N, C-alpha and C. Protein backbone atom coordinates (compact mmCIF):
# COMPACT_ATOMS: atom_id res chain seq x y z
N MET A 1 -7.05 10.47 -3.46
CA MET A 1 -6.29 9.85 -2.49
C MET A 1 -7.22 9.75 -1.47
N THR A 2 -8.46 10.01 -1.37
CA THR A 2 -9.66 9.98 -0.31
C THR A 2 -9.68 8.42 -0.45
N LEU A 3 -10.00 7.77 -1.69
CA LEU A 3 -10.33 6.35 -1.75
C LEU A 3 -9.27 5.64 -1.29
N ALA A 4 -8.10 5.94 -1.25
CA ALA A 4 -6.81 5.40 -1.09
C ALA A 4 -6.88 5.23 0.39
N PHE A 5 -6.95 6.35 0.99
CA PHE A 5 -6.73 6.40 2.68
C PHE A 5 -8.05 5.61 3.29
N ALA A 6 -9.28 5.85 2.63
CA ALA A 6 -10.51 4.90 3.32
C ALA A 6 -10.11 3.45 3.06
N SER A 7 -9.73 2.97 1.95
CA SER A 7 -9.37 1.81 1.77
C SER A 7 -8.29 1.20 2.46
N ALA A 8 -7.16 2.06 2.75
CA ALA A 8 -6.09 1.73 3.90
C ALA A 8 -6.43 1.44 5.29
N ILE A 9 -7.59 2.32 5.58
CA ILE A 9 -7.94 2.35 6.89
C ILE A 9 -8.57 1.01 6.96
N GLU A 10 -9.74 0.87 6.29
CA GLU A 10 -10.39 -0.58 6.11
C GLU A 10 -9.32 -1.97 6.16
N MET A 11 -8.33 -1.91 5.32
CA MET A 11 -7.44 -2.83 5.17
C MET A 11 -6.88 -3.37 6.52
N ALA A 12 -6.56 -2.10 7.22
CA ALA A 12 -5.61 -2.26 8.61
C ALA A 12 -6.55 -2.62 9.53
N ARG A 13 -7.71 -2.34 9.43
CA ARG A 13 -8.79 -2.82 10.34
C ARG A 13 -9.27 -4.26 10.36
N SER A 14 -9.16 -4.69 8.91
CA SER A 14 -9.72 -5.88 8.78
C SER A 14 -8.78 -7.05 8.46
N SER A 15 -7.44 -6.38 8.09
CA SER A 15 -6.49 -7.67 7.65
C SER A 15 -5.81 -8.28 8.69
N SER A 16 -5.56 -9.67 8.59
CA SER A 16 -4.46 -10.37 9.44
C SER A 16 -3.46 -10.14 9.32
N ARG A 17 -2.93 -9.64 8.23
CA ARG A 17 -1.55 -9.55 7.96
C ARG A 17 -1.22 -8.06 8.39
N LEU A 18 -2.03 -7.18 9.04
CA LEU A 18 -1.59 -6.07 9.74
C LEU A 18 -2.17 -5.81 11.15
N PRO A 19 -1.50 -6.78 12.01
CA PRO A 19 -2.29 -6.69 13.50
C PRO A 19 -1.84 -5.64 14.02
N GLY A 20 -2.86 -5.07 14.80
CA GLY A 20 -2.59 -4.00 15.69
C GLY A 20 -2.12 -2.42 14.79
N MET A 21 -2.37 -2.37 13.72
CA MET A 21 -2.07 -1.30 12.82
C MET A 21 -3.27 -0.70 12.41
N ASP A 22 -4.04 -0.28 13.16
CA ASP A 22 -5.34 0.35 12.97
C ASP A 22 -5.14 1.82 12.14
N GLY A 23 -3.84 2.41 12.23
CA GLY A 23 -3.64 3.57 11.63
C GLY A 23 -2.55 3.26 10.36
N PHE A 24 -2.54 2.09 9.72
CA PHE A 24 -2.01 1.68 8.68
C PHE A 24 -0.42 2.13 8.74
N GLY A 25 0.22 2.10 9.97
CA GLY A 25 1.67 2.50 9.96
C GLY A 25 1.84 4.12 10.55
N LEU A 26 1.07 4.65 10.46
CA LEU A 26 0.92 6.05 10.77
C LEU A 26 1.24 6.12 12.43
N ASP A 27 1.79 7.03 13.02
CA ASP A 27 1.67 7.18 14.31
C ASP A 27 0.34 7.99 14.58
N LEU A 28 0.07 7.84 16.04
CA LEU A 28 -1.25 8.58 16.36
C LEU A 28 -1.50 9.92 15.92
N ALA A 29 -0.37 11.11 15.86
CA ALA A 29 -0.76 12.23 15.66
C ALA A 29 -1.06 12.35 14.06
N GLU A 30 -0.09 11.44 13.47
CA GLU A 30 -0.37 11.69 11.91
C GLU A 30 -1.77 11.14 11.41
N PHE A 31 -1.83 10.12 12.03
CA PHE A 31 -3.34 9.18 11.85
C PHE A 31 -4.58 10.31 12.15
N GLY A 32 -4.52 10.94 13.17
CA GLY A 32 -5.51 11.77 13.71
C GLY A 32 -5.62 12.90 12.85
N ALA A 33 -4.11 13.43 12.18
CA ALA A 33 -4.54 14.45 11.08
C ALA A 33 -5.17 14.11 9.89
N LEU A 34 -4.70 12.93 9.71
CA LEU A 34 -5.36 12.58 8.33
C LEU A 34 -6.91 12.32 8.44
N LEU A 35 -7.33 11.76 9.43
CA LEU A 35 -8.74 11.60 9.78
C LEU A 35 -9.43 12.93 9.90
N ASP A 36 -8.58 14.03 10.36
CA ASP A 36 -9.15 15.19 10.39
C ASP A 36 -9.30 15.89 8.93
N ALA A 37 -8.31 15.85 8.22
CA ALA A 37 -7.98 16.26 6.97
C ALA A 37 -9.18 15.71 5.96
N TYR A 38 -9.32 14.31 6.04
CA TYR A 38 -10.06 13.73 5.03
C TYR A 38 -11.35 13.11 5.28
N PHE A 39 -11.62 13.00 6.54
CA PHE A 39 -12.74 12.41 7.22
C PHE A 39 -13.21 12.93 8.54
N PRO A 40 -13.63 14.42 8.41
CA PRO A 40 -13.99 15.12 9.37
C PRO A 40 -14.83 14.33 10.26
N GLY A 41 -14.78 14.52 11.85
CA GLY A 41 -15.68 13.85 12.64
C GLY A 41 -15.56 12.24 12.88
N ALA A 42 -14.69 11.82 12.01
CA ALA A 42 -14.26 10.36 12.13
C ALA A 42 -13.58 10.19 13.38
N ARG A 43 -12.73 10.91 13.85
CA ARG A 43 -11.52 10.67 14.70
C ARG A 43 -12.05 9.78 15.93
N SER A 44 -13.31 10.24 16.48
CA SER A 44 -14.04 9.49 17.46
C SER A 44 -14.20 7.92 17.29
N ALA A 45 -14.66 7.89 16.12
CA ALA A 45 -15.06 6.38 15.62
C ALA A 45 -13.77 5.38 15.31
N TYR A 46 -12.71 6.17 14.90
CA TYR A 46 -11.32 5.45 14.53
C TYR A 46 -10.28 5.67 15.53
N LEU A 47 -10.58 6.52 16.51
CA LEU A 47 -9.46 6.48 17.59
C LEU A 47 -10.07 6.36 19.06
N PRO A 48 -10.91 5.45 19.13
CA PRO A 48 -11.06 5.25 20.56
C PRO A 48 -9.94 4.74 21.66
N SER A 49 -9.97 4.76 22.83
CA SER A 49 -8.93 4.77 23.77
C SER A 49 -8.25 3.47 23.07
N ALA A 50 -8.76 2.35 22.94
CA ALA A 50 -8.04 1.08 22.87
C ALA A 50 -7.38 1.03 21.50
N ALA A 51 -7.91 1.77 20.41
CA ALA A 51 -7.29 1.92 19.24
C ALA A 51 -6.08 2.90 19.30
N ARG A 52 -6.17 3.73 20.03
CA ARG A 52 -4.95 4.54 20.61
C ARG A 52 -3.68 3.98 21.18
N ALA A 53 -4.16 3.10 21.87
CA ALA A 53 -3.02 2.32 22.29
C ALA A 53 -2.34 1.32 21.50
N ALA A 54 -3.41 0.74 20.60
CA ALA A 54 -2.85 -0.26 19.89
C ALA A 54 -1.70 0.47 18.85
N LEU A 55 -2.11 1.80 18.44
CA LEU A 55 -1.54 2.45 17.55
C LEU A 55 -0.10 2.88 17.98
N VAL A 56 0.15 3.13 19.28
CA VAL A 56 1.14 3.41 19.81
C VAL A 56 2.23 2.33 20.07
N ASP A 57 1.55 1.04 20.68
CA ASP A 57 2.34 -0.08 20.58
C ASP A 57 2.65 -0.86 19.37
N ALA A 58 1.72 -0.70 18.34
CA ALA A 58 2.10 -0.93 17.06
C ALA A 58 3.41 -0.26 16.36
N LYS A 59 3.60 0.65 16.74
CA LYS A 59 4.68 1.51 16.16
C LYS A 59 5.76 1.12 16.71
N VAL A 60 5.78 0.45 18.16
CA VAL A 60 7.00 0.16 18.80
C VAL A 60 7.34 -1.33 18.44
N SER A 61 6.39 -2.15 18.41
CA SER A 61 6.64 -3.69 18.50
C SER A 61 6.07 -4.45 17.47
N ARG A 62 5.43 -3.96 16.26
CA ARG A 62 4.73 -4.54 15.39
C ARG A 62 5.73 -5.60 14.43
N GLY A 63 6.82 -5.52 14.46
CA GLY A 63 7.53 -6.62 13.96
C GLY A 63 7.46 -6.93 12.28
N LEU A 64 7.06 -6.11 11.74
CA LEU A 64 6.49 -6.47 10.25
C LEU A 64 7.58 -5.75 9.39
N ASP A 65 8.53 -6.44 9.23
CA ASP A 65 9.86 -5.75 8.45
C ASP A 65 9.36 -5.59 6.81
N GLU A 66 8.62 -6.76 6.53
CA GLU A 66 8.11 -6.35 5.10
C GLU A 66 7.27 -5.20 4.83
N PHE A 67 6.47 -4.47 5.72
CA PHE A 67 5.75 -3.35 5.70
C PHE A 67 6.47 -2.48 5.84
N ASP A 68 7.59 -2.46 6.91
CA ASP A 68 8.53 -1.27 7.18
C ASP A 68 9.50 -0.99 5.84
N ASP A 69 9.81 -2.27 5.08
CA ASP A 69 10.63 -2.31 3.99
C ASP A 69 9.99 -1.35 2.83
N LEU A 70 8.54 -1.87 2.64
CA LEU A 70 7.82 -1.43 1.61
C LEU A 70 7.79 0.19 1.56
N ALA A 71 7.18 0.45 2.99
CA ALA A 71 7.15 1.85 3.09
C ALA A 71 8.32 2.76 2.92
N ALA A 72 9.58 1.95 3.56
CA ALA A 72 10.79 2.85 2.95
C ALA A 72 11.16 2.96 1.69
N LEU A 73 10.39 1.88 0.92
CA LEU A 73 10.62 1.99 -0.74
C LEU A 73 10.19 3.22 -1.35
N LEU A 74 8.84 3.20 -0.61
CA LEU A 74 7.82 4.34 -1.28
C LEU A 74 8.30 5.56 -0.87
N LEU A 75 8.63 5.82 0.44
CA LEU A 75 8.92 6.90 1.24
C LEU A 75 10.05 7.69 0.30
N SER A 76 11.23 6.58 -0.07
CA SER A 76 12.25 7.05 -0.59
C SER A 76 12.08 7.79 -1.90
N TYR A 77 11.19 7.31 -2.73
CA TYR A 77 10.80 7.77 -3.91
C TYR A 77 9.57 8.83 -4.03
N ARG A 78 8.90 9.25 -2.73
CA ARG A 78 8.22 10.14 -2.96
C ARG A 78 8.41 11.60 -3.45
N ARG A 79 7.53 12.27 -4.35
CA ARG A 79 7.80 13.25 -4.95
C ARG A 79 8.10 14.76 -4.21
N ASP A 80 7.81 14.58 -3.10
CA ASP A 80 7.67 15.76 -2.02
C ASP A 80 7.59 15.22 -0.69
N ASP A 81 7.70 16.23 0.14
CA ASP A 81 7.64 15.95 1.86
C ASP A 81 6.35 16.41 2.44
N ARG A 82 5.56 16.58 1.31
CA ARG A 82 4.05 16.78 2.32
C ARG A 82 3.46 15.91 2.88
N ARG A 83 2.58 16.05 4.01
CA ARG A 83 2.28 15.06 4.87
C ARG A 83 1.25 14.00 4.06
N GLU A 84 0.56 14.48 3.05
CA GLU A 84 -0.26 13.67 2.16
C GLU A 84 0.49 12.95 1.42
N THR A 85 1.52 13.32 0.83
CA THR A 85 2.48 12.12 0.13
C THR A 85 3.00 11.08 1.04
N ARG A 86 3.36 11.53 2.12
CA ARG A 86 3.70 10.65 3.07
C ARG A 86 2.64 9.47 3.43
N TRP A 87 1.36 10.02 3.86
CA TRP A 87 0.21 8.96 4.10
C TRP A 87 0.01 8.35 2.87
N LEU A 88 0.28 8.74 1.75
CA LEU A 88 -0.23 7.85 0.63
C LEU A 88 0.73 6.84 0.58
N ALA A 89 2.06 6.82 0.98
CA ALA A 89 3.19 5.85 0.88
C ALA A 89 2.53 4.76 1.90
N TYR A 90 2.20 5.12 3.08
CA TYR A 90 1.75 4.26 4.02
C TYR A 90 0.38 3.56 3.67
N ALA A 91 -0.58 4.38 3.02
CA ALA A 91 -1.56 3.79 2.31
C ALA A 91 -1.51 2.83 1.43
N VAL A 92 -0.70 2.96 0.43
CA VAL A 92 -0.02 1.89 -0.82
C VAL A 92 0.50 0.80 -0.09
N THR A 93 1.32 1.22 1.10
CA THR A 93 1.88 0.10 1.78
C THR A 93 1.16 -0.95 2.49
N ALA A 94 -0.03 -0.43 3.17
CA ALA A 94 -1.00 -1.17 3.59
C ALA A 94 -1.80 -2.10 2.72
N CYS A 95 -1.96 -1.49 1.68
CA CYS A 95 -2.99 -2.02 1.02
C CYS A 95 -2.43 -3.29 -0.36
N SER A 96 -0.83 -2.97 -0.13
CA SER A 96 -0.12 -4.02 -0.60
C SER A 96 -0.21 -5.12 0.03
N MET A 97 -0.49 -5.40 1.26
CA MET A 97 -0.77 -6.32 2.16
C MET A 97 -1.94 -6.93 1.88
N GLY A 98 -3.01 -6.55 0.89
CA GLY A 98 -4.17 -7.44 0.69
C GLY A 98 -3.96 -8.40 -0.37
N GLU A 99 -5.24 -8.80 -0.34
CA GLU A 99 -5.30 -10.06 -1.47
C GLU A 99 -5.65 -10.06 -2.72
N ASP A 100 -6.16 -8.78 -3.32
CA ASP A 100 -6.59 -8.59 -4.61
C ASP A 100 -5.49 -7.82 -5.23
N HIS A 101 -5.89 -7.29 -6.41
CA HIS A 101 -4.45 -6.43 -7.11
C HIS A 101 -4.64 -5.24 -6.46
N LEU A 102 -3.77 -4.53 -6.66
CA LEU A 102 -3.41 -3.38 -5.41
C LEU A 102 -4.38 -2.11 -5.80
N TRP A 103 -4.82 -1.85 -7.06
CA TRP A 103 -5.84 -0.94 -7.39
C TRP A 103 -7.12 -1.40 -6.87
N GLN A 104 -7.37 -2.54 -6.67
CA GLN A 104 -8.81 -3.02 -5.77
C GLN A 104 -8.50 -2.87 -4.50
N ASP A 105 -7.45 -3.20 -4.10
CA ASP A 105 -7.31 -3.00 -2.62
C ASP A 105 -7.21 -1.49 -2.14
N LEU A 106 -6.81 -0.73 -3.08
CA LEU A 106 -6.76 0.79 -2.59
C LEU A 106 -8.02 1.44 -3.21
N GLY A 107 -9.14 0.75 -3.67
CA GLY A 107 -10.57 1.23 -3.87
C GLY A 107 -10.84 1.95 -5.06
N LEU A 108 -9.77 1.95 -5.91
CA LEU A 108 -9.67 2.69 -7.15
C LEU A 108 -10.50 2.04 -8.22
N PRO A 109 -10.78 2.65 -9.46
CA PRO A 109 -11.33 2.07 -10.27
C PRO A 109 -11.03 1.03 -11.32
N SER A 110 -9.58 1.55 -11.53
CA SER A 110 -8.80 0.57 -12.54
C SER A 110 -7.38 0.78 -12.20
N ARG A 111 -6.54 -0.16 -12.73
CA ARG A 111 -5.18 -0.09 -12.63
C ARG A 111 -4.66 1.11 -13.17
N GLN A 112 -5.41 1.63 -14.24
CA GLN A 112 -4.73 2.92 -14.78
C GLN A 112 -4.90 4.25 -13.66
N SER A 113 -5.75 4.01 -12.83
CA SER A 113 -6.12 5.20 -11.76
C SER A 113 -4.80 4.95 -10.65
N LEU A 114 -4.31 3.63 -10.47
CA LEU A 114 -3.36 3.68 -9.59
C LEU A 114 -2.25 3.91 -10.34
N SER A 115 -1.63 3.74 -11.37
CA SER A 115 -0.66 4.12 -12.25
C SER A 115 -0.54 5.73 -12.26
N ASP A 116 -1.64 6.18 -12.54
CA ASP A 116 -1.79 7.79 -12.48
C ASP A 116 -1.39 8.03 -11.14
N LEU A 117 -1.94 7.73 -10.02
CA LEU A 117 -1.42 8.10 -8.65
C LEU A 117 -0.13 8.02 -8.30
N LEU A 118 0.29 6.82 -8.93
CA LEU A 118 1.95 6.61 -8.58
C LEU A 118 2.73 7.63 -9.38
N ALA A 119 2.39 7.72 -10.68
CA ALA A 119 3.12 8.68 -11.45
C ALA A 119 3.12 9.97 -11.02
N THR A 120 2.22 10.62 -10.34
CA THR A 120 1.71 11.66 -9.75
C THR A 120 2.88 11.91 -8.56
N HIS A 121 2.48 10.79 -7.50
CA HIS A 121 3.19 11.21 -6.07
C HIS A 121 4.64 10.60 -6.16
N PHE A 122 4.86 9.39 -7.09
CA PHE A 122 5.96 8.77 -6.79
C PHE A 122 6.55 8.71 -8.24
N PRO A 123 6.60 9.71 -8.94
CA PRO A 123 7.15 9.64 -10.38
C PRO A 123 8.56 8.87 -10.70
N ASP A 124 9.52 9.22 -10.05
CA ASP A 124 10.87 8.31 -10.17
C ASP A 124 10.90 6.91 -10.04
N LEU A 125 9.72 6.51 -9.05
CA LEU A 125 9.50 4.90 -8.88
C LEU A 125 8.58 4.54 -10.20
N TYR A 126 7.62 5.18 -10.37
CA TYR A 126 6.73 4.98 -11.66
C TYR A 126 7.70 4.69 -12.82
N ALA A 127 8.60 5.40 -13.06
CA ALA A 127 9.39 5.61 -14.26
C ALA A 127 10.37 4.40 -14.29
N ARG A 128 10.54 3.90 -13.19
CA ARG A 128 11.28 2.63 -13.10
C ARG A 128 10.62 1.22 -13.65
N ASN A 129 9.43 1.22 -13.56
CA ASN A 129 8.52 0.26 -14.15
C ASN A 129 8.28 0.43 -15.46
N THR A 130 9.39 0.21 -16.22
CA THR A 130 9.38 0.20 -17.75
C THR A 130 8.79 -0.89 -18.43
N GLY A 131 8.60 -1.79 -17.75
CA GLY A 131 7.59 -2.95 -18.34
C GLY A 131 6.38 -3.30 -18.39
N GLY A 132 5.89 -2.07 -17.42
CA GLY A 132 4.48 -2.22 -17.37
C GLY A 132 3.92 -3.31 -16.09
N MET A 133 5.21 -3.72 -15.31
CA MET A 133 4.68 -4.64 -14.52
C MET A 133 3.71 -4.33 -13.61
N ARG A 134 2.96 -5.36 -12.94
CA ARG A 134 1.77 -5.01 -12.07
C ARG A 134 2.51 -4.54 -11.11
N TRP A 135 1.91 -3.58 -10.22
CA TRP A 135 2.32 -2.77 -9.20
C TRP A 135 2.92 -3.53 -8.18
N LYS A 136 1.93 -4.38 -7.37
CA LYS A 136 2.56 -5.32 -6.41
C LYS A 136 3.70 -6.06 -6.60
N LYS A 137 3.83 -6.83 -7.72
CA LYS A 137 4.89 -7.67 -8.20
C LYS A 137 6.11 -6.60 -8.29
N PHE A 138 5.95 -5.40 -9.09
CA PHE A 138 7.01 -4.49 -9.27
C PHE A 138 7.59 -4.00 -7.90
N PHE A 139 6.63 -3.58 -6.89
CA PHE A 139 7.30 -3.21 -5.72
C PHE A 139 8.34 -4.39 -4.77
N TYR A 140 7.75 -5.51 -4.84
CA TYR A 140 8.29 -6.48 -4.29
C TYR A 140 9.81 -7.01 -5.02
N LYS A 141 9.60 -6.69 -6.40
CA LYS A 141 10.65 -6.88 -7.03
C LYS A 141 11.74 -5.82 -6.92
N GLN A 142 11.35 -4.74 -6.60
CA GLN A 142 12.54 -3.86 -5.98
C GLN A 142 13.05 -4.09 -4.75
N LEU A 143 12.22 -4.54 -4.02
CA LEU A 143 12.72 -4.87 -2.64
C LEU A 143 13.61 -5.87 -2.65
N CYS A 144 13.41 -6.99 -3.63
CA CYS A 144 14.46 -8.09 -3.74
C CYS A 144 15.70 -7.73 -4.32
N GLU A 145 15.44 -6.74 -5.25
CA GLU A 145 16.87 -6.09 -6.02
C GLU A 145 17.53 -5.41 -4.66
N ARG A 146 16.98 -4.77 -4.05
CA ARG A 146 17.72 -4.00 -2.97
C ARG A 146 18.27 -4.82 -2.01
N ASN A 147 17.93 -6.13 -2.01
CA ASN A 147 18.58 -7.08 -0.95
C ASN A 147 19.25 -7.82 -1.63
N GLY A 148 19.51 -7.72 -2.91
CA GLY A 148 20.66 -8.74 -4.00
C GLY A 148 19.81 -9.97 -4.19
N ALA A 149 18.37 -10.15 -4.38
CA ALA A 149 17.81 -11.04 -4.65
C ALA A 149 16.92 -10.73 -6.12
N PHE A 150 16.79 -11.78 -7.01
CA PHE A 150 16.43 -11.14 -8.32
C PHE A 150 15.03 -11.78 -8.58
N VAL A 151 14.66 -12.95 -7.76
CA VAL A 151 13.62 -13.82 -8.06
C VAL A 151 12.71 -13.81 -6.83
N CYS A 152 11.31 -12.97 -6.73
CA CYS A 152 10.63 -13.01 -5.74
C CYS A 152 9.24 -12.42 -6.06
N ARG A 153 8.42 -12.84 -5.33
CA ARG A 153 6.99 -12.29 -5.53
C ARG A 153 6.18 -11.86 -4.07
N SER A 154 5.19 -10.88 -4.51
CA SER A 154 4.44 -10.28 -3.52
C SER A 154 3.90 -11.47 -2.48
N PRO A 155 3.37 -10.74 -1.52
CA PRO A 155 2.92 -11.65 -0.42
C PRO A 155 1.73 -12.50 -0.68
N SER A 156 0.59 -12.02 -1.60
CA SER A 156 -0.61 -12.67 -1.59
C SER A 156 -0.47 -13.61 -3.02
N CYS A 157 0.37 -13.54 -3.84
CA CYS A 157 0.36 -14.00 -5.04
C CYS A 157 0.11 -15.44 -4.96
N ALA A 158 0.77 -16.15 -4.25
CA ALA A 158 0.87 -17.70 -4.42
C ALA A 158 -0.79 -18.00 -4.16
N ASP A 159 -1.81 -17.35 -3.59
CA ASP A 159 -3.21 -17.62 -3.48
C ASP A 159 -4.21 -17.34 -4.29
N CYS A 160 -3.35 -16.27 -5.61
CA CYS A 160 -4.19 -15.47 -6.31
C CYS A 160 -4.46 -16.41 -7.30
N SER A 161 -5.88 -16.50 -7.94
CA SER A 161 -6.12 -17.22 -9.09
C SER A 161 -5.62 -16.76 -10.50
N GLU A 162 -4.91 -15.76 -10.47
CA GLU A 162 -4.43 -15.14 -11.69
C GLU A 162 -2.83 -14.89 -11.54
N TYR A 163 -2.48 -15.88 -10.87
CA TYR A 163 -0.86 -15.92 -10.38
C TYR A 163 -0.27 -16.15 -11.77
N ALA A 164 -0.66 -17.06 -12.54
CA ALA A 164 -0.33 -17.26 -14.11
C ALA A 164 -0.32 -16.02 -14.98
N VAL A 165 -1.30 -15.23 -14.74
CA VAL A 165 -1.45 -13.98 -15.68
C VAL A 165 -0.20 -12.97 -15.32
N CYS A 166 -0.15 -12.66 -14.25
CA CYS A 166 0.88 -11.76 -13.58
C CYS A 166 2.14 -12.09 -13.51
N PHE A 167 2.62 -13.58 -13.52
CA PHE A 167 3.62 -13.79 -13.56
C PHE A 167 4.27 -14.60 -15.27
N GLY A 168 3.43 -14.27 -15.91
CA GLY A 168 3.41 -14.64 -17.36
C GLY A 168 4.17 -13.52 -17.98
N PRO A 169 4.01 -13.31 -19.30
CA PRO A 169 4.50 -12.29 -20.02
C PRO A 169 4.26 -10.85 -20.01
N GLU A 170 4.81 -10.08 -20.11
CA GLU A 170 4.61 -8.62 -19.89
C GLU A 170 3.95 -8.09 -21.23
N GLU A 171 3.80 -8.79 -22.43
CA GLU A 171 3.68 -8.15 -23.30
C GLU A 171 2.11 -7.52 -23.72
N GLU A 172 1.75 -6.60 -24.42
CA GLU A 172 0.62 -5.83 -24.34
C GLU A 172 -0.62 -6.76 -24.39
N GLY A 173 -1.47 -6.51 -23.81
CA GLY A 173 -2.74 -7.43 -24.08
C GLY A 173 -2.82 -8.83 -23.16
N ALA A 174 -1.71 -8.81 -22.52
CA ALA A 174 -1.55 -10.13 -21.52
C ALA A 174 -2.35 -9.98 -20.41
N TRP A 175 -2.83 -8.99 -20.00
CA TRP A 175 -3.47 -8.93 -18.87
C TRP A 175 -4.78 -8.17 -18.72
N GLN A 176 -5.75 -8.65 -18.21
CA GLN A 176 -7.30 -7.95 -18.26
C GLN A 176 -7.57 -8.14 -16.84
N PRO A 177 -7.85 -6.94 -16.28
CA PRO A 177 -8.51 -6.95 -14.94
C PRO A 177 -9.91 -7.75 -14.80
N THR A 178 -9.63 -8.32 -13.62
CA THR A 178 -10.89 -9.12 -12.92
C THR A 178 -11.54 -8.64 -11.64
N ARG A 179 -12.42 -7.99 -11.81
CA ARG A 179 -13.15 -7.35 -10.76
C ARG A 179 -13.54 -8.63 -9.68
N ARG A 180 -13.25 -8.25 -8.45
CA ARG A 180 -13.55 -9.26 -7.63
C ARG A 180 -14.78 -8.76 -6.48
């Protein structure tokens, strides 16, 4: 989880798709608690006064329906109510806004590592992915199905050099990860 949290913090700080979300969707208290638990001593670096104000303002006015919808999806399927699982839902959501494959944006060593993480912390959602669909694609398909639409794609897919691979057939061996 530590890699996922570190990657989400960096994604929130560097992505134009997450304006004002230095805490990757967590409120100030939760983000501070995460920093204290996983990155002791980092609070002063990641929560200067300007960032604190941005975190508070972002929670009220960020207007990122896509982010909120994806976070709600993950939260609805979490295994338990532990704060770490909640933080992980937000970390996965933030990294889903990234440009690369989700496992890469989460800083994980492989797609299998992501699948293992999701199976552990979001087992019912993991079990729904019966076709082995790529995780970003799967999440957005779930959101579209919730809204009654059955054809949709994840936010960065149109610009991805592997678009044809991810939206091609799901048979065994059709996808090979490309490290960027």
